[in-house]
Amino acid sequence: MRERMYIQAARALSAQNGFMDDALPSLLTEPVDNLFYFPTIDYSRWFSIMQLRRMSRLTRAGMAVAIETLRDAALDKPDAIITGTGKGSLGDTEKFMESVRVHVEGTLNPSPFIQSTYNALNGLIGLHQDVDSYNTTYVHRGFSLEHAIQDAQLLFHEGAAANALVGSVEEMTAEHFGIKKKLGYWKTAPVRREDILTDQQPGAVAGEGCFFFAFAKQPNDKTLATLRDLQLLFEPTSATLLQTIDDMLSAAHLAPADIDVVITGRNGDWRHDHYYDAVSALFPRATECCFKQLSGEFDTAAGFGLWLAAKMLSAPQEIPAAVARQGGAVSRPVKNLLMYNSYYGVQHSLYLLEGR
């Protein structure tokens, strides 16, 4: 479905601690043992001590990002709350499973189980905003965020909603990191941030984060960017990937030369670089930007890329050196932007966005 959606607000809480300023910080964070953690912020701005005692790390972070996104969009009661997550609250899941083992399936504390469910955050957002409208969560690995966005798009198309709060949340625990490291997902030797994309070890650097977007069916004076098209591909060939991009541009009456910036999800794992190289070669005049050297790799890392795209398109200015793949900072107007992300060569997503 190629129906325009308008991003009214976008917020990100990632390892790069720019949440309060809603921008990339000047001092960038390095990964710790090949893992980017999002920081602990001052949650007392939004919640009381009693509330915080009952909230997990991921719930606190997700709630804060969602609240600020709604505030930026001047939207108190969204028509829909839709999230995507690959793993949900891993910390609470592990706490619950450990209590099952320790207490031999006896009397258990229900809090970790309640907060470990994938839709726990959605429910809390609805309670906080006093919203009883459409509320759902998608758990589809590398397509989780994209399916949440497409659900909002369908609601707009059917006339069932005029706006929607859409987001994704992900956390990484030491145990889950260790499991995926044994499976070859992560690099083995420590890598500095500036070397992630060029490091020749197989695997990526892990990450986590919370990202929320206020989408609307119609534009207004708060519109940051327009999402013109979103296409998903499962294990495509390079030829299929390039044909899909060509179809997207044709439907939007654009040529490759009209694309100003291409944001790619390169993660430093050379085993999947051939996809990104093929896409990059289509746009020799565009500036290629990357984001996973700042966020790390995880199921819904595309949320960081989409936040970055919205910021680039809402105030076209200098592209930061931290995200430009080659060279330093770049000054150029940004009108049309293509974002391409792949989750380990299996789930591929293509976003076509336009500035306001």
Protein backbone atom coordinates (compact mmCIF):
# COMPACT_ATOMS: atom_id res chain seq x y z
CA MET A 1 0.00 0.00 0.00
CA ARG A 2 1.45 3.35 -1.05
CA GLU A 3 -0.56 5.77 1.03
CA ARG A 4 1.18 8.80 2.53
CA MET A 5 1.64 9.04 6.28
CA TYR A 6 2.92 12.10 8.09
CA ILE A 7 5.42 11.98 10.94
CA GLN A 8 4.36 14.61 13.46
CA ALA A 9 6.93 13.81 16.13
CA ALA A 10 9.82 11.41 16.64
CA ARG A 11 11.79 10.54 19.75
CA ALA A 12 14.66 8.13 20.40
CA LEU A 13 16.37 6.79 23.50
CA SER A 14 19.50 5.01 22.38
CA ALA A 15 23.09 4.52 23.48
CA GLN A 16 23.79 8.00 22.11
CA ASN A 17 22.42 10.01 24.99
CA GLY A 18 20.59 12.76 23.12
CA PHE A 19 17.07 12.01 24.29
CA MET A 20 16.45 15.20 26.25
CA ASP A 21 17.85 17.42 23.48
CA ASP A 22 16.21 15.29 20.77
CA ALA A 23 19.44 15.33 18.76
CA LEU A 24 22.71 13.47 18.38
CA PRO A 25 25.07 14.55 21.16
CA SER A 26 28.46 16.09 20.41
CA LEU A 27 30.15 13.47 22.59
CA LEU A 28 29.34 10.03 21.22
CA THR A 29 29.14 6.87 23.32
CA GLU A 30 31.42 3.89 22.75
CA PRO A 31 30.19 0.27 22.92
CA VAL A 32 31.03 -1.66 26.07
CA ASP A 33 32.33 -5.13 25.18
CA ASN A 34 30.64 -4.84 21.78
CA LEU A 35 27.30 -3.78 23.22
CA PHE A 36 25.58 -0.38 23.07
CA TYR A 37 23.39 0.15 26.17
CA PHE A 38 20.85 2.95 26.37
CA PRO A 39 21.49 5.13 29.45
CA THR A 40 19.45 5.47 32.60
CA ILE A 41 17.86 8.92 32.58
CA ASP A 42 16.11 10.86 35.33
CA TYR A 43 12.69 9.21 35.26
CA SER A 44 11.43 11.30 38.18
CA ARG A 45 10.47 13.90 35.56
CA TRP A 46 7.57 11.63 34.56
CA PHE A 47 6.93 9.17 37.40
CA SER A 48 6.74 9.07 41.18
CA ILE A 49 9.02 6.86 43.25
CA MET A 50 6.15 4.46 43.92
CA GLN A 51 5.43 4.17 40.20
CA LEU A 52 9.08 3.57 39.39
CA ARG A 53 9.29 0.74 41.91
CA ARG A 54 6.71 -1.17 39.87
CA MET A 55 8.26 -0.51 36.47
CA SER A 56 11.03 -2.43 34.75
CA ARG A 57 13.98 -0.83 33.00
CA LEU A 58 12.42 -1.19 29.55
CA THR A 59 8.99 -0.06 30.71
CA ARG A 60 10.41 3.12 32.24
CA ALA A 61 12.33 3.95 29.09
CA GLY A 62 9.49 3.15 26.70
CA MET A 63 6.97 5.14 28.72
CA ALA A 64 9.21 8.22 28.87
CA VAL A 65 9.85 8.16 25.12
CA ALA A 66 6.15 7.67 24.32
CA ILE A 67 5.08 10.51 26.64
CA GLU A 68 7.57 12.96 25.11
CA THR A 69 6.56 11.94 21.58
CA LEU A 70 2.91 12.67 22.33
CA ARG A 71 3.88 15.96 23.95
CA ASP A 72 5.90 17.01 20.90
CA ALA A 73 2.94 16.20 18.65
CA ALA A 74 0.48 18.02 20.96
CA LEU A 75 -1.48 14.77 20.99
CA ASP A 76 -3.00 13.73 24.30
CA LYS A 77 -5.17 10.79 23.26
CA PRO A 78 -3.98 8.98 20.13
CA ASP A 79 -6.52 7.04 18.10
CA ALA A 80 -4.23 4.01 18.18
CA ILE A 81 -1.19 2.79 20.12
CA ILE A 82 0.88 0.29 18.13
CA THR A 83 4.32 -1.07 18.97
CA GLY A 84 6.76 -3.58 17.59
CA THR A 85 9.39 -5.54 19.46
CA GLY A 86 11.59 -8.48 18.66
CA LYS A 87 12.08 -9.73 22.21
CA GLY A 88 10.13 -7.47 24.57
CA SER A 89 11.33 -7.10 28.14
CA LEU A 90 14.07 -9.71 28.27
CA GLY A 91 15.10 -8.71 31.79
CA ASP A 92 11.66 -9.48 33.22
CA THR A 93 11.38 -12.67 31.19
CA GLU A 94 14.65 -13.92 32.64
CA LYS A 95 13.62 -12.91 36.19
CA PHE A 96 10.39 -14.86 35.86
CA MET A 97 12.05 -17.96 34.43
CA GLU A 98 14.66 -17.88 37.18
CA SER A 99 11.96 -17.60 39.88
CA VAL A 100 10.19 -20.61 38.34
CA ARG A 101 13.41 -22.57 38.68
CA VAL A 102 14.30 -21.40 42.19
CA HIS A 103 10.80 -21.87 43.63
CA VAL A 104 10.19 -25.10 41.71
CA GLU A 105 7.06 -23.69 40.07
CA GLY A 106 5.64 -22.75 43.45
CA THR A 107 4.43 -19.36 44.71
CA LEU A 108 5.88 -16.74 42.38
CA ASN A 109 6.02 -12.95 42.25
CA PRO A 110 3.68 -12.08 39.35
CA SER A 111 5.28 -8.70 38.54
CA PRO A 112 8.12 -9.99 36.30
CA PHE A 113 5.65 -12.17 34.39
CA ILE A 114 3.18 -9.31 33.91
CA GLN A 115 5.88 -6.93 32.69
CA SER A 116 7.56 -9.55 30.50
CA THR A 117 4.56 -9.83 28.17
CA TYR A 118 5.13 -8.10 24.85
CA ASN A 119 2.12 -5.80 25.14
CA ALA A 120 2.73 -4.66 28.73
CA LEU A 121 4.13 -1.31 27.60
CA ASN A 122 1.15 -0.64 25.32
CA GLY A 123 -1.24 -1.19 28.16
CA LEU A 124 0.66 1.14 30.47
CA ILE A 125 0.74 3.88 27.83
CA GLY A 126 -3.01 3.51 27.38
CA LEU A 127 -3.57 3.72 31.14
CA HIS A 128 -1.28 6.73 31.50
CA GLN A 129 -3.02 8.62 28.68
CA ASP A 130 -6.48 7.35 29.61
CA VAL A 131 -6.91 5.88 26.13
CA ASP A 132 -9.10 2.84 25.44
CA SER A 133 -8.82 2.84 21.65
CA TYR A 134 -7.02 0.43 19.31
CA ASN A 135 -3.96 -1.01 21.06
CA THR A 136 -1.74 -3.81 19.76
CA THR A 137 1.83 -5.11 19.59
CA TYR A 138 3.72 -6.88 16.80
CA VAL A 139 6.45 -9.41 17.57
CA HIS A 140 7.90 -10.22 14.16
CA ARG A 141 11.69 -10.03 14.63
CA GLY A 142 13.19 -7.71 12.05
CA PHE A 143 9.76 -6.69 10.72
CA SER A 144 8.24 -5.77 14.10
CA LEU A 145 8.42 -1.99 13.72
CA GLU A 146 7.48 -2.08 10.05
CA HIS A 147 4.36 -4.15 10.70
CA ALA A 148 3.34 -1.69 13.40
CA ILE A 149 3.68 1.15 10.88
CA GLN A 150 1.74 -0.76 8.24
CA ASP A 151 -1.03 -1.44 10.75
CA ALA A 152 -1.34 2.30 11.36
CA GLN A 153 -1.39 2.83 7.60
CA LEU A 154 -4.27 0.38 7.24
CA LEU A 155 -6.20 2.12 10.02
CA PHE A 156 -5.77 5.43 8.19
CA HIS A 157 -6.86 3.87 4.90
CA GLU A 158 -9.99 2.39 6.47
CA GLY A 159 -10.87 5.64 8.20
CA ALA A 160 -10.60 3.96 11.60
CA ALA A 161 -7.98 6.42 12.89
CA ALA A 162 -6.65 9.89 12.08
CA ASN A 163 -3.46 9.55 14.11
CA ALA A 164 -1.43 6.85 15.83
CA LEU A 165 1.42 6.49 18.28
CA VAL A 166 3.79 3.92 16.77
CA GLY A 167 7.00 2.73 18.33
CA SER A 168 9.46 -0.02 19.08
CA VAL A 169 11.36 -1.10 22.18
CA GLU A 170 14.25 -3.49 22.66
CA GLU A 171 16.66 -4.36 25.44
CA MET A 172 19.68 -6.63 25.66
CA THR A 173 20.64 -8.68 28.69
CA ALA A 174 24.00 -10.29 29.44
CA GLU A 175 22.52 -13.77 29.10
CA HIS A 176 20.85 -13.10 25.76
CA PHE A 177 23.98 -11.39 24.49
CA GLY A 178 26.00 -14.47 25.41
CA ILE A 179 23.59 -16.84 23.68
CA LYS A 180 23.61 -14.86 20.44
CA LYS A 181 27.38 -14.48 20.62
CA LYS A 182 27.74 -18.27 20.62
CA LEU A 183 25.48 -18.36 17.56
CA GLY A 184 27.79 -15.98 15.68
CA TYR A 185 25.66 -12.83 15.78
CA TRP A 186 28.29 -10.63 17.44
CA LYS A 187 31.92 -9.81 16.81
CA THR A 188 34.29 -11.57 19.19
CA ALA A 189 37.12 -9.06 19.66
CA PRO A 190 36.23 -5.60 21.04
CA VAL A 191 35.69 -2.93 18.37
CA ARG A 192 35.77 0.85 18.70
CA ARG A 193 32.77 2.81 17.47
CA GLU A 194 34.62 4.42 14.56
CA ASP A 195 35.88 1.00 13.37
CA ILE A 196 32.58 -0.92 13.46
CA LEU A 197 31.70 -0.52 9.78
CA THR A 198 35.17 -1.44 8.52
CA ASP A 199 36.04 -4.23 10.96
CA GLN A 200 36.60 -7.53 9.13
CA GLN A 201 35.33 -9.86 11.84
CA PRO A 202 32.02 -11.58 11.05
CA GLY A 203 29.11 -10.44 13.18
CA ALA A 204 27.88 -7.09 14.42
CA VAL A 205 27.91 -5.01 17.60
CA ALA A 206 24.77 -5.44 19.72
CA GLY A 207 22.46 -2.64 20.79
CA GLU A 208 19.12 -1.69 22.29
CA GLY A 209 16.79 1.30 22.29
CA CYS A 210 13.29 2.78 22.43
CA PHE A 211 11.77 4.77 19.56
CA PHE A 212 8.35 6.34 19.13
CA PHE A 213 6.66 8.26 16.31
CA ALA A 214 3.40 10.16 16.10
CA PHE A 215 1.87 9.47 12.69
CA ALA A 216 -1.07 11.33 11.19
CA LYS A 217 -3.29 10.79 8.18
CA GLN A 218 -3.12 14.46 7.21
CA PRO A 219 -0.23 16.95 7.47
CA ASN A 220 -0.22 19.97 9.73
CA ASP A 221 2.24 22.59 10.97
CA LYS A 222 4.01 19.99 13.14
CA THR A 223 4.78 17.61 10.29
CA LEU A 224 8.46 16.62 10.26
CA ALA A 225 8.46 14.37 7.19
CA THR A 226 6.24 12.32 4.92
CA LEU A 227 6.48 8.56 4.65
CA ARG A 228 5.58 7.95 1.02
CA ASP A 229 6.23 4.23 0.76
CA LEU A 230 7.27 1.25 2.87
CA GLN A 231 8.13 -2.09 1.31
CA LEU A 232 9.17 -5.33 3.02
CA LEU A 233 11.08 -8.23 1.50
CA PHE A 234 11.88 -11.66 2.93
CA GLU A 235 15.21 -13.18 1.86
CA PRO A 236 15.24 -11.42 -1.52
CA THR A 237 17.91 -11.72 -4.17
CA SER A 238 19.86 -8.57 -4.97
CA ALA A 239 17.95 -8.36 -8.26
CA THR A 240 14.59 -8.46 -6.47
CA LEU A 241 15.76 -5.82 -4.01
CA LEU A 242 16.87 -3.45 -6.78
CA GLN A 243 13.67 -4.03 -8.76
CA THR A 244 11.60 -3.17 -5.69
CA ILE A 245 13.49 0.10 -5.29
CA ASP A 246 12.93 0.90 -8.95
CA ASP A 247 9.20 0.22 -8.54
CA MET A 248 9.05 2.48 -5.47
CA LEU A 249 10.75 5.35 -7.29
CA SER A 250 8.55 4.92 -10.37
CA ALA A 251 5.38 4.97 -8.27
CA ALA A 252 6.58 8.17 -6.61
CA HIS A 253 7.56 9.71 -9.99
CA LEU A 254 11.19 9.94 -8.89
CA ALA A 255 14.50 9.00 -10.47
CA PRO A 256 17.63 7.81 -8.61
CA ALA A 257 19.11 11.29 -9.12
CA ASP A 258 16.23 12.77 -7.07
CA ILE A 259 17.32 10.95 -3.91
CA ASP A 260 19.49 13.20 -1.76
CA VAL A 261 20.34 10.84 1.09
CA VAL A 262 20.41 7.06 1.39
CA ILE A 263 20.42 5.74 4.96
CA THR A 264 21.62 2.15 5.15
CA GLY A 265 21.60 -0.32 7.99
CA ARG A 266 25.21 -1.46 7.52
CA ASN A 267 26.28 -3.08 10.77
CA GLY A 268 29.90 -4.05 10.10
CA ASP A 269 29.09 -7.68 9.23
CA TRP A 270 30.71 -8.11 5.82
CA ARG A 271 28.57 -11.19 5.13
CA HIS A 272 25.64 -8.92 4.26
CA ASP A 273 27.45 -5.94 2.73
CA HIS A 274 26.67 -7.05 -0.83
CA TYR A 275 23.06 -5.95 -0.36
CA TYR A 276 24.08 -2.49 0.83
CA ASP A 277 26.74 -2.13 -1.87
CA ALA A 278 24.15 -2.88 -4.56
CA VAL A 279 21.72 -0.29 -3.18
CA SER A 280 24.42 2.33 -2.68
CA ALA A 281 25.59 1.91 -6.28
CA LEU A 282 22.11 2.92 -7.50
CA PHE A 283 22.53 6.41 -6.05
CA PRO A 284 25.98 7.78 -6.91
CA ARG A 285 24.83 11.39 -6.32
CA ALA A 286 23.29 10.71 -2.93
CA THR A 287 25.05 10.95 0.41
CA GLU A 288 25.10 7.58 2.12
CA CYS A 289 24.56 7.63 5.88
CA CYS A 290 24.77 4.76 8.34
CA PHE A 291 23.43 4.49 11.88
CA LYS A 292 24.25 1.13 13.45
CA GLN A 293 27.75 2.27 14.37
CA LEU A 294 25.84 4.49 16.84
CA SER A 295 22.91 2.27 17.87
CA GLY A 296 24.18 -1.26 17.45
CA GLU A 297 22.24 -4.10 15.84
CA PHE A 298 18.93 -5.42 17.14
CA ASP A 299 15.52 -6.47 15.84
CA THR A 300 14.04 -2.97 15.68
CA ALA A 301 17.19 -0.92 15.07
CA ALA A 302 15.38 0.62 12.08
CA GLY A 303 13.66 2.84 14.65
CA PHE A 304 16.90 4.72 15.19
CA GLY A 305 17.34 5.12 11.43
CA LEU A 306 13.78 6.39 11.01
CA TRP A 307 14.28 8.90 13.85
CA LEU A 308 17.49 10.08 12.17
CA ALA A 309 15.70 10.38 8.80
CA ALA A 310 12.88 12.44 10.33
CA LYS A 311 15.39 14.84 11.88
CA MET A 312 17.31 15.22 8.61
CA LEU A 313 14.15 15.96 6.65
CA SER A 314 12.53 18.31 9.15
CA ALA A 315 15.45 20.75 9.27
CA PRO A 316 17.67 20.12 6.25
CA GLN A 317 21.15 21.19 7.21
CA GLU A 318 24.57 19.70 7.78
CA ILE A 319 24.64 15.90 7.80
CA PRO A 320 26.72 14.95 10.88
CA ALA A 321 30.10 13.37 10.29
CA ALA A 322 29.11 10.62 12.75
CA VAL A 323 26.56 9.21 10.29
CA ALA A 324 28.13 10.07 6.90
CA ARG A 325 29.70 6.87 5.61
CA GLN A 326 32.57 8.58 3.82
CA GLY A 327 34.32 11.82 4.68
CA GLY A 328 33.20 14.34 7.27
CA ALA A 329 30.07 16.40 7.73
CA VAL A 330 28.13 17.23 4.56
CA SER A 331 26.09 20.36 3.92
CA ARG A 332 23.28 19.84 1.42
CA PRO A 333 19.50 20.23 1.20
CA VAL A 334 17.60 17.01 1.88
CA LYS A 335 14.25 16.64 0.12
CA ASN A 336 13.97 12.94 -0.74
CA LEU A 337 15.44 10.17 1.38
CA LEU A 338 15.57 6.40 1.01
CA MET A 339 16.28 4.18 4.01
CA TYR A 340 17.22 0.54 3.54
CA ASN A 341 17.67 -1.85 6.44
CA SER A 342 18.33 -5.55 6.59
CA TYR A 343 18.14 -7.75 9.66
CA TYR A 344 20.87 -10.34 9.07
CA GLY A 345 20.01 -10.69 5.38
CA VAL A 346 16.58 -12.17 6.15
CA GLN A 347 14.12 -9.33 6.71
CA HIS A 348 14.63 -6.29 4.48
CA SER A 349 12.77 -2.99 4.71
CA LEU A 350 12.71 0.01 2.37
CA TYR A 351 11.39 3.42 3.43
CA LEU A 352 10.85 6.30 1.02
CA LEU A 353 10.52 9.64 2.81
CA GLU A 354 10.06 13.25 1.74
CA GLY A 355 10.84 16.48 3.57
CA ARG A 356 8.17 18.96 4.48
